[in-house]
Amino acid sequence: MRSYTMIIGIALMPALLFSFPSHAGVAGTPSAETPPEKEGVITASLNDCDEEIKQHCSAPGQSAPEIVMCLMAYEEQLGSACRKSILETAMTIKAGAEAIDYSISACETDVDAYCRDVPPGDGRIVGCIKSNEARVSTKCVAALKQTGLWNQ
């Protein structure tokens, strides 16, 4: 059986959040002084949607975001466990985005000072910050550790 554990892009987040109006916009944009509530790698599981996926969204070659969008089109026909999984996915993505925003805010000055020429992606900037740990601000190191990005 195909597993639907996935990493879902932040671009999908607005569509997921606005499909559940009672939960949209729960938290505001965090400041560098407010750590996000969730930590670690962002993954989401739709295993509770296996039957709904088979019934409504089983076209070959669909990507994870396409499957989620398909499920949302059948929202009224989804079981409560599947609806809960989709909502948890949206909340996980939002928490991940907040962790990234928090870390960027806390580390912006240090990245400009020590890692300006490092191309983003694949953990290179966090690696640069870690290699300069003795010189970067404690605020930046703490933010990266609080969000789980330090250990990536």
Protein backbone atom coordinates (compact mmCIF):
# COMPACT_ATOMS: atom_id res chain seq x y z
CA MET A 1 0.00 0.00 0.00
CA ARG A 2 1.27 3.45 -0.88
CA SER A 3 2.17 5.64 2.09
CA TYR A 4 1.10 9.26 2.05
CA THR A 5 3.69 10.65 4.45
CA MET A 6 5.16 13.66 2.72
CA ILE A 7 6.88 16.97 2.95
CA ILE A 8 4.48 19.56 1.58
CA GLY A 9 5.65 22.89 0.16
CA ILE A 10 4.81 26.12 1.93
CA ALA A 11 3.16 27.35 -1.30
CA LEU A 12 0.28 25.01 -0.51
CA MET A 13 -0.23 26.46 2.96
CA PRO A 14 -2.68 29.29 2.08
CA ALA A 15 -4.99 26.92 0.23
CA LEU A 16 -5.00 24.52 3.16
CA LEU A 17 -5.54 27.18 5.79
CA PHE A 18 -8.32 28.97 3.99
CA SER A 19 -10.22 25.71 3.51
CA PHE A 20 -10.67 25.57 7.26
CA PRO A 21 -11.85 29.11 8.15
CA SER A 22 -12.28 28.40 11.84
CA HIS A 23 -8.55 27.67 12.09
CA ALA A 24 -7.14 30.18 9.60
CA GLY A 25 -4.94 32.92 10.97
CA VAL A 26 -4.72 31.44 14.48
CA ALA A 27 -1.25 32.80 15.12
CA GLY A 28 0.26 36.05 13.92
CA THR A 29 3.69 36.60 12.51
CA PRO A 30 6.20 35.77 15.22
CA SER A 31 8.83 38.23 16.31
CA ALA A 32 12.41 37.33 17.17
CA GLU A 33 11.36 37.35 20.83
CA THR A 34 8.55 34.78 20.39
CA PRO A 35 9.69 31.25 19.59
CA PRO A 36 7.32 29.14 17.48
CA GLU A 37 5.30 26.41 19.18
CA LYS A 38 6.49 23.48 17.04
CA GLU A 39 10.04 22.28 16.50
CA GLY A 40 11.92 20.05 14.08
CA VAL A 41 11.51 18.75 10.56
CA ILE A 42 8.18 19.44 8.93
CA THR A 43 6.43 16.29 7.79
CA ALA A 44 2.77 15.52 7.47
CA SER A 45 0.92 12.26 7.14
CA LEU A 46 -2.30 11.61 5.26
CA ASN A 47 -2.42 7.90 6.08
CA ASP A 48 -5.88 8.46 7.58
CA CYS A 49 -7.03 9.38 4.07
CA ASP A 50 -6.11 6.13 2.31
CA GLU A 51 -9.72 5.17 1.55
CA GLU A 52 -10.68 8.67 0.43
CA ILE A 53 -7.62 8.86 -1.82
CA LYS A 54 -8.49 5.51 -3.41
CA GLN A 55 -12.08 6.60 -3.93
CA HIS A 56 -11.60 10.18 -5.18
CA CYS A 57 -7.95 10.97 -5.93
CA SER A 58 -6.14 7.92 -7.24
CA ALA A 59 -5.00 9.23 -10.63
CA PRO A 60 -1.56 7.83 -11.48
CA GLY A 61 1.38 10.14 -11.03
CA GLN A 62 -0.30 12.69 -8.77
CA SER A 63 2.04 14.69 -6.60
CA ALA A 64 1.43 15.13 -2.88
CA PRO A 65 0.07 18.69 -3.28
CA GLU A 66 -2.27 17.50 -6.07
CA ILE A 67 -3.60 14.76 -3.80
CA VAL A 68 -4.24 17.24 -0.98
CA MET A 69 -5.99 19.65 -3.33
CA CYS A 70 -8.09 16.79 -4.72
CA LEU A 71 -9.10 15.73 -1.21
CA MET A 72 -10.09 19.28 -0.42
CA ALA A 73 -12.41 19.27 -3.45
CA TYR A 74 -14.24 16.36 -1.79
CA GLU A 75 -14.17 17.89 1.70
CA GLU A 76 -17.83 17.17 2.44
CA GLN A 77 -17.35 13.48 1.61
CA LEU A 78 -14.23 12.90 3.72
CA GLY A 79 -14.24 10.98 6.96
CA SER A 80 -13.46 12.79 10.17
CA ALA A 81 -10.01 11.15 10.51
CA CYS A 82 -9.01 12.31 7.02
CA ARG A 83 -10.32 15.83 7.63
CA LYS A 84 -8.30 15.91 10.85
CA SER A 85 -5.16 14.78 8.99
CA ILE A 86 -5.57 17.55 6.44
CA LEU A 87 -6.06 20.13 9.19
CA GLU A 88 -3.00 18.85 11.06
CA THR A 89 -1.02 19.08 7.82
CA ALA A 90 -2.04 22.73 7.43
CA MET A 91 -1.12 23.48 11.04
CA THR A 92 2.25 21.74 10.64
CA ILE A 93 3.06 23.77 7.54
CA LYS A 94 2.08 26.99 9.30
CA ALA A 95 4.25 26.12 12.33
CA GLY A 96 7.16 25.34 10.00
CA ALA A 97 6.79 28.66 8.23
CA GLU A 98 6.72 30.44 11.60
CA ALA A 99 9.91 28.61 12.68
CA ILE A 100 11.67 29.71 9.51
CA ASP A 101 10.46 33.32 9.90
CA TYR A 102 11.56 33.33 13.55
CA SER A 103 15.03 32.01 12.67
CA ILE A 104 15.47 34.46 9.80
CA SER A 105 14.52 37.37 12.05
CA ALA A 106 16.89 36.23 14.82
CA CYS A 107 19.83 35.51 12.49
CA GLU A 108 19.54 38.21 9.84
CA THR A 109 22.38 40.37 11.19
CA ASP A 110 24.68 37.37 11.68
CA VAL A 111 24.00 36.01 8.19
CA ASP A 112 24.80 39.43 6.72
CA ALA A 113 28.01 39.64 8.76
CA TYR A 114 29.40 36.10 8.35
CA CYS A 115 27.54 34.26 5.59
CA ARG A 116 26.64 36.88 2.99
CA ASP A 117 28.34 35.00 0.14
CA VAL A 118 26.87 31.59 1.03
CA PRO A 119 24.19 30.49 -1.44
CA PRO A 120 20.92 29.51 0.28
CA GLY A 121 19.63 25.95 0.21
CA ASP A 122 20.67 22.51 1.40
CA GLY A 123 21.45 23.83 4.89
CA ARG A 124 24.46 25.85 3.74
CA ILE A 125 23.54 29.03 5.65
CA VAL A 126 22.86 27.14 8.89
CA GLY A 127 26.17 25.34 8.32
CA CYS A 128 27.91 28.69 7.94
CA ILE A 129 26.30 30.01 11.12
CA LYS A 130 27.36 26.83 12.97
CA SER A 131 30.95 27.19 11.73
CA ASN A 132 30.91 30.76 13.08
CA GLU A 133 29.13 29.87 16.33
CA ALA A 134 31.72 31.60 18.53
CA ARG A 135 31.08 34.90 16.71
CA VAL A 136 27.32 34.88 16.05
CA SER A 137 24.76 36.22 18.49
CA THR A 138 23.34 34.00 21.19
CA LYS A 139 19.88 35.06 19.94
CA CYS A 140 20.58 33.47 16.54
CA VAL A 141 22.02 30.24 17.96
CA ALA A 142 19.12 29.95 20.41
CA ALA A 143 16.54 30.48 17.63
CA LEU A 144 18.11 27.81 15.44
CA LYS A 145 18.23 25.37 18.35
CA GLN A 146 14.66 26.16 19.46
CA THR A 147 13.28 25.52 15.98
CA GLY A 148 15.27 22.34 15.38
CA LEU A 149 17.13 23.87 12.43
CA TRP A 150 20.47 23.66 14.28
CA ASN A 151 20.36 19.86 14.15
CA GLN A 152 19.49 19.54 10.46
